[in-house]
Protein backbone atom coordinates (compact mmCIF):
# COMPACT_ATOMS: atom_id res chain seq x y z
CA MET A 1 -111.30 -20.57 -4.88
CA ASP A 2 -111.53 -16.78 -5.12
CA ILE A 3 -111.93 -16.48 -1.34
CA PHE A 4 -108.79 -18.55 -0.84
CA LEU A 5 -106.81 -16.28 -3.18
CA GLN A 6 -108.14 -13.15 -1.46
CA ASP A 7 -107.07 -14.51 1.92
CA LYS A 8 -103.58 -15.25 0.58
CA GLN A 9 -103.31 -11.74 -0.84
CA MET A 10 -104.34 -10.26 2.52
CA GLU A 11 -101.65 -12.32 4.28
CA ASN A 12 -99.03 -10.99 1.88
CA GLN A 13 -100.11 -7.39 2.52
CA GLN A 14 -99.18 -7.36 6.21
CA ILE A 15 -97.93 -4.08 7.56
CA GLN A 16 -94.16 -3.75 7.83
CA TYR A 17 -93.25 -2.03 11.09
CA THR A 18 -89.91 -0.39 11.83
CA LEU A 19 -87.94 -1.30 14.93
CA GLU A 20 -89.08 1.86 16.71
CA GLN A 21 -92.70 1.20 15.82
CA ARG A 22 -92.44 -2.34 17.19
CA LYS A 23 -90.95 -1.03 20.42
CA GLU A 24 -93.86 1.40 20.76
CA LEU A 25 -96.35 -1.38 20.02
CA LEU A 26 -94.71 -3.50 22.72
CA LEU A 27 -95.09 -0.75 25.30
CA GLU A 28 -98.67 -0.11 24.20
CA TYR A 29 -99.51 -3.82 24.45
CA VAL A 30 -98.03 -4.09 27.94
CA ARG A 31 -99.93 -0.99 29.12
CA GLU A 32 -103.23 -2.34 27.80
CA ASN A 33 -102.84 -5.97 28.93
CA ASN A 34 -100.63 -5.66 32.02
CA CYS A 35 -98.43 -8.52 30.80
CA VAL A 36 -95.70 -9.21 28.27
CA PRO A 37 -96.77 -10.90 25.02
CA GLN A 38 -96.51 -14.66 24.67
CA TYR A 39 -94.56 -16.04 21.71
CA ARG A 40 -97.57 -16.43 19.39
CA THR A 41 -99.14 -13.09 20.24
CA GLU A 42 -100.10 -10.87 17.31
CA TYR A 43 -101.08 -7.28 17.98
CA LYS A 44 -102.16 -4.87 15.26
CA GLN A 45 -100.87 -7.24 12.57
CA CYS A 46 -97.44 -7.39 14.22
CA LYS A 47 -95.98 -10.63 15.54
CA LEU A 48 -95.24 -8.96 18.82
CA GLY A 49 -94.56 -12.13 20.81
CA ALA A 50 -91.81 -13.26 18.44
CA PHE A 51 -90.37 -9.75 18.44
CA TYR A 52 -90.27 -9.65 22.25
CA LYS A 53 -88.67 -13.09 22.46
CA HIS A 54 -85.97 -12.00 20.01
CA LEU A 55 -85.44 -8.76 21.90
CA LYS A 56 -85.24 -10.60 25.21
CA SER A 57 -82.68 -13.07 23.85
CA LYS A 58 -80.31 -10.16 23.20
CA VAL A 59 -80.31 -9.10 26.86
CA LYS A 60 -77.18 -10.51 28.50
CA SER A 61 -77.10 -8.49 31.74
CA ILE A 62 -78.70 -5.53 33.48
CA ASP A 63 -76.08 -3.36 31.79
CA SER A 64 -77.51 -4.17 28.36
CA LEU A 65 -78.89 -1.24 26.35
CA ILE A 66 -82.14 -3.11 25.75
CA TYR A 67 -82.58 -3.71 29.48
CA LYS A 68 -81.95 -0.05 30.25
CA GLU A 69 -84.37 1.02 27.54
CA TYR A 70 -87.24 -0.91 29.15
CA GLU A 71 -86.39 -0.64 32.86
CA ASP A 72 -88.93 2.17 33.30
CA ASN A 73 -91.74 -0.27 32.54
CA GLN A 74 -92.11 -2.44 35.66
CA ILE A 75 -93.84 -5.35 33.91
CA ILE A 76 -91.14 -5.69 31.24
CA LYS A 77 -88.39 -5.11 33.81
CA GLN A 78 -89.71 -7.89 36.05
CA ASN A 79 -89.92 -10.26 33.10
CA LEU A 80 -86.36 -9.43 32.01
CA ASP A 81 -85.11 -9.85 35.58
CA ARG A 82 -86.73 -13.28 35.73
CA TYR A 83 -85.23 -14.14 32.35
CA LEU A 84 -81.76 -13.16 33.50
CA GLN A 85 -82.14 -15.01 36.78
CA PHE A 86 -83.04 -18.34 35.18
CA ARG A 87 -80.84 -18.02 32.14
């Protein structure tokens, strides 16, 4: 029973990242893995896949601020282009 309670306490003590920190983690993840995170991807105790999906859903066109922010990264840019194409 004690192990169960310890696990629950550890789950509740997850790190809270700011928006800027999550953006940096996303870029770091893409550089390391050469792909965008899938929806269930967790990276350094951050639900990075869910964050990226939410971020991607806000992109409405190539004129979007989010799109312009990530267009320097070819992997993310290609994924966003594909998203916009099939939207």
